Amino acid sequence: SSLTRDVWQGRPSEIEYQNGTVVKF
């Protein structure tokens, strides 16, 4: 996925809008 590739390549990702949102909710 795009998030996976972003993390692997050291780019800013959507983690706050995915698993991060799950944690906060």
mmCIF file of all heavy atoms, coordinates in Angstrom:
data_MODEL
# 
_entry.id   MODEL 
# 
loop_
_atom_site.group_PDB 
_atom_site.id 
_atom_site.type_symbol 
_atom_site.label_atom_id 
_atom_site.label_alt_id 
_atom_site.label_comp_id 
_atom_site.label_asym_id 
_atom_site.label_entity_id 
_atom_site.label_seq_id 
_atom_site.pdbx_PDB_ins_code 
_atom_site.Cartn_x 
_atom_site.Cartn_y 
_atom_site.Cartn_z 
_atom_site.occupancy 
_atom_site.B_iso_or_equiv 
_atom_site.pdbx_formal_charge 
_atom_site.auth_seq_id 
_atom_site.auth_comp_id 
_atom_site.auth_asym_id 
_atom_site.auth_atom_id 
_atom_site.pdbx_PDB_model_num 
ATOM 1   N N   . SER A 1 1  ? 0.841   -1.198 0.000  1.00 0.00 ? 1  SER A N   1 
ATOM 2   C CA  . SER A 1 1  ? 0.000   0.000  0.000  1.00 0.00 ? 1  SER A CA  1 
ATOM 3   C C   . SER A 1 1  ? 0.873   1.244  0.000  1.00 0.00 ? 1  SER A C   1 
ATOM 4   O O   . SER A 1 1  ? 2.081   1.184  0.242  1.00 0.00 ? 1  SER A O   1 
ATOM 5   C CB  . SER A 1 1  ? -0.900  0.016  1.239  1.00 0.00 ? 1  SER A CB  1 
ATOM 6   O OG  . SER A 1 1  ? -0.121  0.338  2.377  1.00 0.00 ? 1  SER A OG  1 
ATOM 7   N N   . SER A 1 2  ? 0.249   2.392  -0.229 1.00 0.00 ? 2  SER A N   1 
ATOM 8   C CA  . SER A 1 2  ? 1.008   3.643  -0.271 1.00 0.00 ? 2  SER A CA  1 
ATOM 9   C C   . SER A 1 2  ? 1.617   3.959  1.090  1.00 0.00 ? 2  SER A C   1 
ATOM 10  O O   . SER A 1 2  ? 2.763   4.411  1.178  1.00 0.00 ? 2  SER A O   1 
ATOM 11  C CB  . SER A 1 2  ? 0.119   4.797  -0.747 1.00 0.00 ? 2  SER A CB  1 
ATOM 12  O OG  . SER A 1 2  ? -0.999  4.966  0.110  1.00 0.00 ? 2  SER A OG  1 
ATOM 13  N N   . LEU A 1 3  ? 0.870   3.741  2.180  1.00 0.00 ? 3  LEU A N   1 
ATOM 14  C CA  . LEU A 1 3  ? 1.439   3.992  3.510  1.00 0.00 ? 3  LEU A CA  1 
ATOM 15  C C   . LEU A 1 3  ? 2.635   3.098  3.757  1.00 0.00 ? 3  LEU A C   1 
ATOM 16  O O   . LEU A 1 3  ? 3.674   3.548  4.256  1.00 0.00 ? 3  LEU A O   1 
ATOM 17  C CB  . LEU A 1 3  ? 0.387   3.768  4.605  1.00 0.00 ? 3  LEU A CB  1 
ATOM 18  C CG  . LEU A 1 3  ? 0.874   3.997  6.042  1.00 0.00 ? 3  LEU A CG  1 
ATOM 19  C CD1 . LEU A 1 3  ? -0.201  4.617  6.908  1.00 0.00 ? 3  LEU A CD1 1 
ATOM 20  C CD2 . LEU A 1 3  ? 1.386   2.717  6.708  1.00 0.00 ? 3  LEU A CD2 1 
ATOM 21  N N   . THR A 1 4  ? 2.512   1.829  3.409  1.00 0.00 ? 4  THR A N   1 
ATOM 22  C CA  . THR A 1 4  ? 3.613   0.882  3.603  1.00 0.00 ? 4  THR A CA  1 
ATOM 23  C C   . THR A 1 4  ? 4.862   1.370  2.879  1.00 0.00 ? 4  THR A C   1 
ATOM 24  O O   . THR A 1 4  ? 5.958   1.418  3.454  1.00 0.00 ? 4  THR A O   1 
ATOM 25  C CB  . THR A 1 4  ? 3.218   -0.510 3.074  1.00 0.00 ? 4  THR A CB  1 
ATOM 26  O OG1 . THR A 1 4  ? 1.992   -0.918 3.685  1.00 0.00 ? 4  THR A OG1 1 
ATOM 27  C CG2 . THR A 1 4  ? 4.296   -1.528 3.386  1.00 0.00 ? 4  THR A CG2 1 
ATOM 28  N N   . ARG A 1 5  ? 4.708   1.757  1.621  1.00 0.00 ? 5  ARG A N   1 
ATOM 29  C CA  . ARG A 1 5  ? 5.854   2.211  0.838  1.00 0.00 ? 5  ARG A CA  1 
ATOM 30  C C   . ARG A 1 5  ? 6.429   3.509  1.388  1.00 0.00 ? 5  ARG A C   1 
ATOM 31  O O   . ARG A 1 5  ? 7.647   3.708  1.398  1.00 0.00 ? 5  ARG A O   1 
ATOM 32  C CB  . ARG A 1 5  ? 5.460   2.363  -0.637 1.00 0.00 ? 5  ARG A CB  1 
ATOM 33  C CG  . ARG A 1 5  ? 5.069   1.041  -1.308 1.00 0.00 ? 5  ARG A CG  1 
ATOM 34  C CD  . ARG A 1 5  ? 4.879   1.205  -2.805 1.00 0.00 ? 5  ARG A CD  1 
ATOM 35  N NE  . ARG A 1 5  ? 3.767   2.073  -3.153 1.00 0.00 ? 5  ARG A NE  1 
ATOM 36  C CZ  . ARG A 1 5  ? 2.512   1.669  -3.301 1.00 0.00 ? 5  ARG A CZ  1 
ATOM 37  N NH1 . ARG A 1 5  ? 2.190   0.395  -3.104 1.00 0.00 ? 5  ARG A NH1 1 
ATOM 38  N NH2 . ARG A 1 5  ? 1.555   2.523  -3.641 1.00 0.00 ? 5  ARG A NH2 1 
ATOM 39  N N   . ASP A 1 6  ? 5.551   4.411  1.856  1.00 0.00 ? 6  ASP A N   1 
ATOM 40  C CA  . ASP A 1 6  ? 6.035   5.666  2.437  1.00 0.00 ? 6  ASP A CA  1 
ATOM 41  C C   . ASP A 1 6  ? 6.901   5.406  3.668  1.00 0.00 ? 6  ASP A C   1 
ATOM 42  O O   . ASP A 1 6  ? 7.965   6.008  3.832  1.00 0.00 ? 6  ASP A O   1 
ATOM 43  C CB  . ASP A 1 6  ? 4.852   6.570  2.818  1.00 0.00 ? 6  ASP A CB  1 
ATOM 44  C CG  . ASP A 1 6  ? 4.208   7.231  1.608  1.00 0.00 ? 6  ASP A CG  1 
ATOM 45  O OD1 . ASP A 1 6  ? 4.862   7.305  0.547  1.00 0.00 ? 6  ASP A OD1 1 
ATOM 46  O OD2 . ASP A 1 6  ? 3.047   7.660  1.720  1.00 0.00 ? 6  ASP A OD2 1 
ATOM 47  N N   . VAL A 1 7  ? 6.450   4.514  4.540  1.00 0.00 ? 7  VAL A N   1 
ATOM 48  C CA  . VAL A 1 7  ? 7.213   4.194  5.753  1.00 0.00 ? 7  VAL A CA  1 
ATOM 49  C C   . VAL A 1 7  ? 8.551   3.567  5.375  1.00 0.00 ? 7  VAL A C   1 
ATOM 50  O O   . VAL A 1 7  ? 9.610   3.955  5.888  1.00 0.00 ? 7  VAL A O   1 
ATOM 51  C CB  . VAL A 1 7  ? 6.421   3.260  6.682  1.00 0.00 ? 7  VAL A CB  1 
ATOM 52  C CG1 . VAL A 1 7  ? 7.297   2.757  7.841  1.00 0.00 ? 7  VAL A CG1 1 
ATOM 53  C CG2 . VAL A 1 7  ? 5.183   3.973  7.234  1.00 0.00 ? 7  VAL A CG2 1 
ATOM 54  N N   . TRP A 1 8  ? 8.533   2.610  4.482  1.00 0.00 ? 8  TRP A N   1 
ATOM 55  C CA  . TRP A 1 8  ? 9.768   1.935  4.076  1.00 0.00 ? 8  TRP A CA  1 
ATOM 56  C C   . TRP A 1 8  ? 10.770  2.913  3.479  1.00 0.00 ? 8  TRP A C   1 
ATOM 57  O O   . TRP A 1 8  ? 11.981  2.751  3.649  1.00 0.00 ? 8  TRP A O   1 
ATOM 58  C CB  . TRP A 1 8  ? 9.460   0.841  3.057  1.00 0.00 ? 8  TRP A CB  1 
ATOM 59  C CG  . TRP A 1 8  ? 8.788   -0.368 3.631  1.00 0.00 ? 8  TRP A CG  1 
ATOM 60  C CD1 . TRP A 1 8  ? 8.610   -0.668 4.949  1.00 0.00 ? 8  TRP A CD1 1 
ATOM 61  C CD2 . TRP A 1 8  ? 8.194   -1.438 2.890  1.00 0.00 ? 8  TRP A CD2 1 
ATOM 62  N NE1 . TRP A 1 8  ? 7.933   -1.862 5.083  1.00 0.00 ? 8  TRP A NE1 1 
ATOM 63  C CE2 . TRP A 1 8  ? 7.673   -2.358 3.835  1.00 0.00 ? 8  TRP A CE2 1 
ATOM 64  C CE3 . TRP A 1 8  ? 8.054   -1.705 1.540  1.00 0.00 ? 8  TRP A CE3 1 
ATOM 65  C CZ2 . TRP A 1 8  ? 7.028   -3.539 3.451  1.00 0.00 ? 8  TRP A CZ2 1 
ATOM 66  C CZ3 . TRP A 1 8  ? 7.412   -2.882 1.154  1.00 0.00 ? 8  TRP A CZ3 1 
ATOM 67  C CH2 . TRP A 1 8  ? 6.904   -3.783 2.099  1.00 0.00 ? 8  TRP A CH2 1 
ATOM 68  N N   . GLN A 1 9  ? 10.281  3.910  2.764  1.00 0.00 ? 9  GLN A N   1 
ATOM 69  C CA  . GLN A 1 9  ? 11.166  4.837  2.064  1.00 0.00 ? 9  GLN A CA  1 
ATOM 70  C C   . GLN A 1 9  ? 11.471  6.104  2.862  1.00 0.00 ? 9  GLN A C   1 
ATOM 71  O O   . GLN A 1 9  ? 12.087  7.038  2.343  1.00 0.00 ? 9  GLN A O   1 
ATOM 72  C CB  . GLN A 1 9  ? 10.566  5.177  0.698  1.00 0.00 ? 9  GLN A CB  1 
ATOM 73  C CG  . GLN A 1 9  ? 10.493  3.968  -0.227 1.00 0.00 ? 9  GLN A CG  1 
ATOM 74  C CD  . GLN A 1 9  ? 9.634   4.193  -1.462 1.00 0.00 ? 9  GLN A CD  1 
ATOM 75  O OE1 . GLN A 1 9  ? 9.376   5.331  -1.855 1.00 0.00 ? 9  GLN A OE1 1 
ATOM 76  N NE2 . GLN A 1 9  ? 9.161   3.107  -2.071 1.00 0.00 ? 9  GLN A NE2 1 
ATOM 77  N N   . GLY A 1 10 ? 11.050  6.122  4.131  1.00 0.00 ? 10 GLY A N   1 
ATOM 78  C CA  . GLY A 1 10 ? 11.374  7.235  5.004  1.00 0.00 ? 10 GLY A CA  1 
ATOM 79  C C   . GLY A 1 10 ? 10.628  8.518  4.708  1.00 0.00 ? 10 GLY A C   1 
ATOM 80  O O   . GLY A 1 10 ? 11.080  9.611  5.057  1.00 0.00 ? 10 GLY A O   1 
ATOM 81  N N   . ARG A 1 11 ? 9.456   8.408  4.073  1.00 0.00 ? 11 ARG A N   1 
ATOM 82  C CA  . ARG A 1 11 ? 8.655   9.586  3.761  1.00 0.00 ? 11 ARG A CA  1 
ATOM 83  C C   . ARG A 1 11 ? 7.547   9.765  4.801  1.00 0.00 ? 11 ARG A C   1 
ATOM 84  O O   . ARG A 1 11 ? 7.135   8.797  5.461  1.00 0.00 ? 11 ARG A O   1 
ATOM 85  C CB  . ARG A 1 11 ? 8.019   9.444  2.374  1.00 0.00 ? 11 ARG A CB  1 
ATOM 86  C CG  . ARG A 1 11 ? 9.015   9.364  1.232  1.00 0.00 ? 11 ARG A CG  1 
ATOM 87  C CD  . ARG A 1 11 ? 8.297   9.534  -0.099 1.00 0.00 ? 11 ARG A CD  1 
ATOM 88  N NE  . ARG A 1 11 ? 7.324   8.480  -0.328 1.00 0.00 ? 11 ARG A NE  1 
ATOM 89  C CZ  . ARG A 1 11 ? 7.473   7.501  -1.205 1.00 0.00 ? 11 ARG A CZ  1 
ATOM 90  N NH1 . ARG A 1 11 ? 8.593   7.414  -1.916 1.00 0.00 ? 11 ARG A NH1 1 
ATOM 91  N NH2 . ARG A 1 11 ? 6.537   6.596  -1.379 1.00 0.00 ? 11 ARG A NH2 1 
ATOM 92  N N   . PRO A 1 12 ? 7.015   10.988 4.958  1.00 0.00 ? 12 PRO A N   1 
ATOM 93  C CA  . PRO A 1 12 ? 5.842   11.182 5.816  1.00 0.00 ? 12 PRO A CA  1 
ATOM 94  C C   . PRO A 1 12 ? 4.699   10.293 5.334  1.00 0.00 ? 12 PRO A C   1 
ATOM 95  O O   . PRO A 1 12 ? 4.513   10.110 4.128  1.00 0.00 ? 12 PRO A O   1 
ATOM 96  C CB  . PRO A 1 12 ? 5.503   12.663 5.629  1.00 0.00 ? 12 PRO A CB  1 
ATOM 97  C CG  . PRO A 1 12 ? 6.810   13.295 5.241  1.00 0.00 ? 12 PRO A CG  1 
ATOM 98  C CD  . PRO A 1 12 ? 7.508   12.256 4.397  1.00 0.00 ? 12 PRO A CD  1 
ATOM 99  N N   . SER A 1 13 ? 3.956   9.729  6.271  1.00 0.00 ? 13 SER A N   1 
ATOM 100 C CA  . SER A 1 13 ? 2.895   8.785  5.917  1.00 0.00 ? 13 SER A CA  1 
ATOM 101 C C   . SER A 1 13 ? 1.562   9.221  6.525  1.00 0.00 ? 13 SER A C   1 
ATOM 102 O O   . SER A 1 13 ? 1.474   10.232 7.223  1.00 0.00 ? 13 SER A O   1 
ATOM 103 C CB  . SER A 1 13 ? 3.251   7.385  6.422  1.00 0.00 ? 13 SER A CB  1 
ATOM 104 O OG  . SER A 1 13 ? 3.046   7.303  7.829  1.00 0.00 ? 13 SER A OG  1 
ATOM 105 N N   . GLU A 1 14 ? 0.536   8.414  6.252  1.00 0.00 ? 14 GLU A N   1 
ATOM 106 C CA  . GLU A 1 14 ? -0.803  8.684  6.792  1.00 0.00 ? 14 GLU A CA  1 
ATOM 107 C C   . GLU A 1 14 ? -1.063  7.913  8.092  1.00 0.00 ? 14 GLU A C   1 
ATOM 108 O O   . GLU A 1 14 ? -2.213  7.678  8.448  1.00 0.00 ? 14 GLU A O   1 
ATOM 109 C CB  . GLU A 1 14 ? -1.869  8.307  5.754  1.00 0.00 ? 14 GLU A CB  1 
ATOM 110 C CG  . GLU A 1 14 ? -1.851  9.174  4.515  1.00 0.00 ? 14 GLU A CG  1 
ATOM 111 C CD  . GLU A 1 14 ? -2.917  8.793  3.507  1.00 0.00 ? 14 GLU A CD  1 
ATOM 112 O OE1 . GLU A 1 14 ? -3.295  7.613  3.442  1.00 0.00 ? 14 GLU A OE1 1 
ATOM 113 O OE2 . GLU A 1 14 ? -3.379  9.683  2.774  1.00 0.00 ? 14 GLU A OE2 1 
ATOM 114 N N   . ILE A 1 15 ? -0.024  7.551  8.814  1.00 0.00 ? 15 ILE A N   1 
ATOM 115 C CA  . ILE A 1 15 ? -0.201  6.713  9.998  1.00 0.00 ? 15 ILE A CA  1 
ATOM 116 C C   . ILE A 1 15 ? -1.141  7.349  11.024 1.00 0.00 ? 15 ILE A C   1 
ATOM 117 O O   . ILE A 1 15 ? -1.916  6.653  11.682 1.00 0.00 ? 15 ILE A O   1 
ATOM 118 C CB  . ILE A 1 15 ? 1.174   6.365  10.646 1.00 0.00 ? 15 ILE A CB  1 
ATOM 119 C CG1 . ILE A 1 15 ? 1.006   5.290  11.712 1.00 0.00 ? 15 ILE A CG1 1 
ATOM 120 C CG2 . ILE A 1 15 ? 1.859   7.613  11.186 1.00 0.00 ? 15 ILE A CG2 1 
ATOM 121 C CD1 . ILE A 1 15 ? 0.498   3.962  11.202 1.00 0.00 ? 15 ILE A CD1 1 
ATOM 122 N N   . GLU A 1 16 ? -1.108  8.668  11.172 1.00 0.00 ? 16 GLU A N   1 
ATOM 123 C CA  . GLU A 1 16 ? -2.009  9.324  12.124 1.00 0.00 ? 16 GLU A CA  1 
ATOM 124 C C   . GLU A 1 16 ? -3.464  9.173  11.703 1.00 0.00 ? 16 GLU A C   1 
ATOM 125 O O   . GLU A 1 16 ? -4.366  9.193  12.547 1.00 0.00 ? 16 GLU A O   1 
ATOM 126 C CB  . GLU A 1 16 ? -1.661  10.809 12.265 1.00 0.00 ? 16 GLU A CB  1 
ATOM 127 C CG  . GLU A 1 16 ? -0.313  11.093 12.904 1.00 0.00 ? 16 GLU A CG  1 
ATOM 128 C CD  . GLU A 1 16 ? -0.252  10.717 14.385 1.00 0.00 ? 16 GLU A CD  1 
ATOM 129 O OE1 . GLU A 1 16 ? -1.314  10.506 14.985 1.00 0.00 ? 16 GLU A OE1 1 
ATOM 130 O OE2 . GLU A 1 16 ? 0.860   10.648 14.923 1.00 0.00 ? 16 GLU A OE2 1 
ATOM 131 N N   . TYR A 1 17 ? -3.699  9.032  10.395 1.00 0.00 ? 17 TYR A N   1 
ATOM 132 C CA  . TYR A 1 17 ? -5.059  8.924  9.877  1.00 0.00 ? 17 TYR A CA  1 
ATOM 133 C C   . TYR A 1 17 ? -5.510  7.470  9.722  1.00 0.00 ? 17 TYR A C   1 
ATOM 134 O O   . TYR A 1 17 ? -6.633  7.218  9.301  1.00 0.00 ? 17 TYR A O   1 
ATOM 135 C CB  . TYR A 1 17 ? -5.164  9.664  8.543  1.00 0.00 ? 17 TYR A CB  1 
ATOM 136 C CG  . TYR A 1 17 ? -5.137  11.163 8.727  1.00 0.00 ? 17 TYR A CG  1 
ATOM 137 C CD1 . TYR A 1 17 ? -3.929  11.834 8.844  1.00 0.00 ? 17 TYR A CD1 1 
ATOM 138 C CD2 . TYR A 1 17 ? -6.309  11.888 8.831  1.00 0.00 ? 17 TYR A CD2 1 
ATOM 139 C CE1 . TYR A 1 17 ? -3.897  13.213 9.044  1.00 0.00 ? 17 TYR A CE1 1 
ATOM 140 C CE2 . TYR A 1 17 ? -6.294  13.257 9.020  1.00 0.00 ? 17 TYR A CE2 1 
ATOM 141 C CZ  . TYR A 1 17 ? -5.084  13.910 9.132  1.00 0.00 ? 17 TYR A CZ  1 
ATOM 142 O OH  . TYR A 1 17 ? -5.063  15.270 9.331  1.00 0.00 ? 17 TYR A OH  1 
ATOM 143 N N   . GLN A 1 18 ? -4.627  6.544  10.046 1.00 0.00 ? 18 GLN A N   1 
ATOM 144 C CA  . GLN A 1 18 ? -4.993  5.138  9.980  1.00 0.00 ? 18 GLN A CA  1 
ATOM 145 C C   . GLN A 1 18 ? -4.905  4.540  11.395 1.00 0.00 ? 18 GLN A C   1 
ATOM 146 O O   . GLN A 1 18 ? -5.777  4.787  12.208 1.00 0.00 ? 18 GLN A O   1 
ATOM 147 C CB  . GLN A 1 18 ? -4.129  4.424  8.946  1.00 0.00 ? 18 GLN A CB  1 
ATOM 148 C CG  . GLN A 1 18 ? -4.386  4.973  7.536  1.00 0.00 ? 18 GLN A CG  1 
ATOM 149 C CD  . GLN A 1 18 ? -3.709  4.204  6.418  1.00 0.00 ? 18 GLN A CD  1 
ATOM 150 O OE1 . GLN A 1 18 ? -3.454  3.012  6.510  1.00 0.00 ? 18 GLN A OE1 1 
ATOM 151 N NE2 . GLN A 1 18 ? -3.407  4.870  5.319  1.00 0.00 ? 18 GLN A NE2 1 
ATOM 152 N N   . ASN A 1 19 ? -3.871  3.810  11.702 1.00 0.00 ? 19 ASN A N   1 
ATOM 153 C CA  . ASN A 1 19 ? -3.801  3.179  13.024 1.00 0.00 ? 19 ASN A CA  1 
ATOM 154 C C   . ASN A 1 19 ? -3.798  4.213  14.147 1.00 0.00 ? 19 ASN A C   1 
ATOM 155 O O   . ASN A 1 19 ? -4.319  3.959  15.237 1.00 0.00 ? 19 ASN A O   1 
ATOM 156 C CB  . ASN A 1 19 ? -2.563  2.295  13.117 1.00 0.00 ? 19 ASN A CB  1 
ATOM 157 C CG  . ASN A 1 19 ? -2.495  1.298  11.989 1.00 0.00 ? 19 ASN A CG  1 
ATOM 158 O OD1 . ASN A 1 19 ? -1.897  1.592  10.954 1.00 0.00 ? 19 ASN A OD1 1 
ATOM 159 N ND2 . ASN A 1 19 ? -3.109  0.125  12.152 1.00 0.00 ? 19 ASN A ND2 1 
ATOM 160 N N   . GLY A 1 20 ? -3.221  5.384  13.899 1.00 0.00 ? 20 GLY A N   1 
ATOM 161 C CA  . GLY A 1 20 ? -3.233  6.441  14.903 1.00 0.00 ? 20 GLY A CA  1 
ATOM 162 C C   . GLY A 1 20 ? -4.637  6.880  15.265 1.00 0.00 ? 20 GLY A C   1 
ATOM 163 O O   . GLY A 1 20 ? -4.946  7.143  16.431 1.00 0.00 ? 20 GLY A O   1 
ATOM 164 N N   . THR A 1 21 ? -5.510  6.949  14.264 1.00 0.00 ? 21 THR A N   1 
ATOM 165 C CA  . THR A 1 21 ? -6.911  7.305  14.525 1.00 0.00 ? 21 THR A CA  1 
ATOM 166 C C   . THR A 1 21 ? -7.608  6.211  15.321 1.00 0.00 ? 21 THR A C   1 
ATOM 167 O O   . THR A 1 21 ? -8.407  6.498  16.222 1.00 0.00 ? 21 THR A O   1 
ATOM 168 C CB  . THR A 1 21 ? -7.652  7.547  13.191 1.00 0.00 ? 21 THR A CB  1 
ATOM 169 O OG1 . THR A 1 21 ? -7.039  8.645  12.505 1.00 0.00 ? 21 THR A OG1 1 
ATOM 170 C CG2 . THR A 1 21 ? -9.119  7.866  13.430 1.00 0.00 ? 21 THR A CG2 1 
ATOM 171 N N   . VAL A 1 22 ? -7.304  4.954  15.011 1.00 0.00 ? 22 VAL A N   1 
ATOM 172 C CA  . VAL A 1 22 ? -7.883  3.844  15.770 1.00 0.00 ? 22 VAL A CA  1 
ATOM 173 C C   . VAL A 1 22 ? -7.503  3.966  17.247 1.00 0.00 ? 22 VAL A C   1 
ATOM 174 O O   . VAL A 1 22 ? -8.354  3.839  18.148 1.00 0.00 ? 22 VAL A O   1 
ATOM 175 C CB  . VAL A 1 22 ? -7.398  2.480  15.226 1.00 0.00 ? 22 VAL A CB  1 
ATOM 176 C CG1 . VAL A 1 22 ? -7.935  1.340  16.102 1.00 0.00 ? 22 VAL A CG1 1 
ATOM 177 C CG2 . VAL A 1 22 ? -7.847  2.290  13.786 1.00 0.00 ? 22 VAL A CG2 1 
ATOM 178 N N   . VAL A 1 23 ? -6.239  4.235  17.508 1.00 0.00 ? 23 VAL A N   1 
ATOM 179 C CA  . VAL A 1 23 ? -5.763  4.353  18.888 1.00 0.00 ? 23 VAL A CA  1 
ATOM 180 C C   . VAL A 1 23 ? -6.466  5.497  19.604 1.00 0.00 ? 23 VAL A C   1 
ATOM 181 O O   . VAL A 1 23 ? -6.954  5.328  20.733 1.00 0.00 ? 23 VAL A O   1 
ATOM 182 C CB  . VAL A 1 23 ? -4.233  4.559  18.912 1.00 0.00 ? 23 VAL A CB  1 
ATOM 183 C CG1 . VAL A 1 23 ? -3.754  4.878  20.329 1.00 0.00 ? 23 VAL A CG1 1 
ATOM 184 C CG2 . VAL A 1 23 ? -3.517  3.324  18.380 1.00 0.00 ? 23 VAL A CG2 1 
ATOM 185 N N   . LYS A 1 24 ? -6.555  6.644  18.966 1.00 0.00 ? 24 LYS A N   1 
ATOM 186 C CA  . LYS A 1 24 ? -7.172  7.822  19.595 1.00 0.00 ? 24 LYS A CA  1 
ATOM 187 C C   . LYS A 1 24 ? -8.666  7.611  19.821 1.00 0.00 ? 24 LYS A C   1 
ATOM 188 O O   . LYS A 1 24 ? -9.209  7.971  20.879 1.00 0.00 ? 24 LYS A O   1 
ATOM 189 C CB  . LYS A 1 24 ? -6.913  9.066  18.746 1.00 0.00 ? 24 LYS A CB  1 
ATOM 190 C CG  . LYS A 1 24 ? -5.443  9.485  18.740 1.00 0.00 ? 24 LYS A CG  1 
ATOM 191 C CD  . LYS A 1 24 ? -5.201  10.642 17.791 1.00 0.00 ? 24 LYS A CD  1 
ATOM 192 C CE  . LYS A 1 24 ? -3.740  11.089 17.839 1.00 0.00 ? 24 LYS A CE  1 
ATOM 193 N NZ  . LYS A 1 24 ? -2.805  10.040 17.388 1.00 0.00 ? 24 LYS A NZ  1 
ATOM 194 N N   . PHE A 1 25 ? -9.359  7.033  18.836 1.00 0.00 ? 25 PHE A N   1 
ATOM 195 C CA  . PHE A 1 25 ? -10.783 6.745  19.006 1.00 0.00 ? 25 PHE A CA  1 
ATOM 196 C C   . PHE A 1 25 ? -10.987 5.680  20.078 1.00 0.00 ? 25 PHE A C   1 
ATOM 197 O O   . PHE A 1 25 ? -11.960 5.731  20.842 1.00 0.00 ? 25 PHE A O   1 
ATOM 198 C CB  . PHE A 1 25 ? -11.395 6.302  17.673 1.00 0.00 ? 25 PHE A CB  1 
ATOM 199 C CG  . PHE A 1 25 ? -11.916 7.429  16.828 1.00 0.00 ? 25 PHE A CG  1 
ATOM 200 C CD1 . PHE A 1 25 ? -11.109 8.516  16.528 1.00 0.00 ? 25 PHE A CD1 1 
ATOM 201 C CD2 . PHE A 1 25 ? -13.204 7.411  16.317 1.00 0.00 ? 25 PHE A CD2 1 
ATOM 202 C CE1 . PHE A 1 25 ? -11.576 9.562  15.743 1.00 0.00 ? 25 PHE A CE1 1 
ATOM 203 C CE2 . PHE A 1 25 ? -13.685 8.445  15.530 1.00 0.00 ? 25 PHE A CE2 1 
ATOM 204 C CZ  . PHE A 1 25 ? -12.863 9.521  15.248 1.00 0.00 ? 25 PHE A CZ  1 
# 
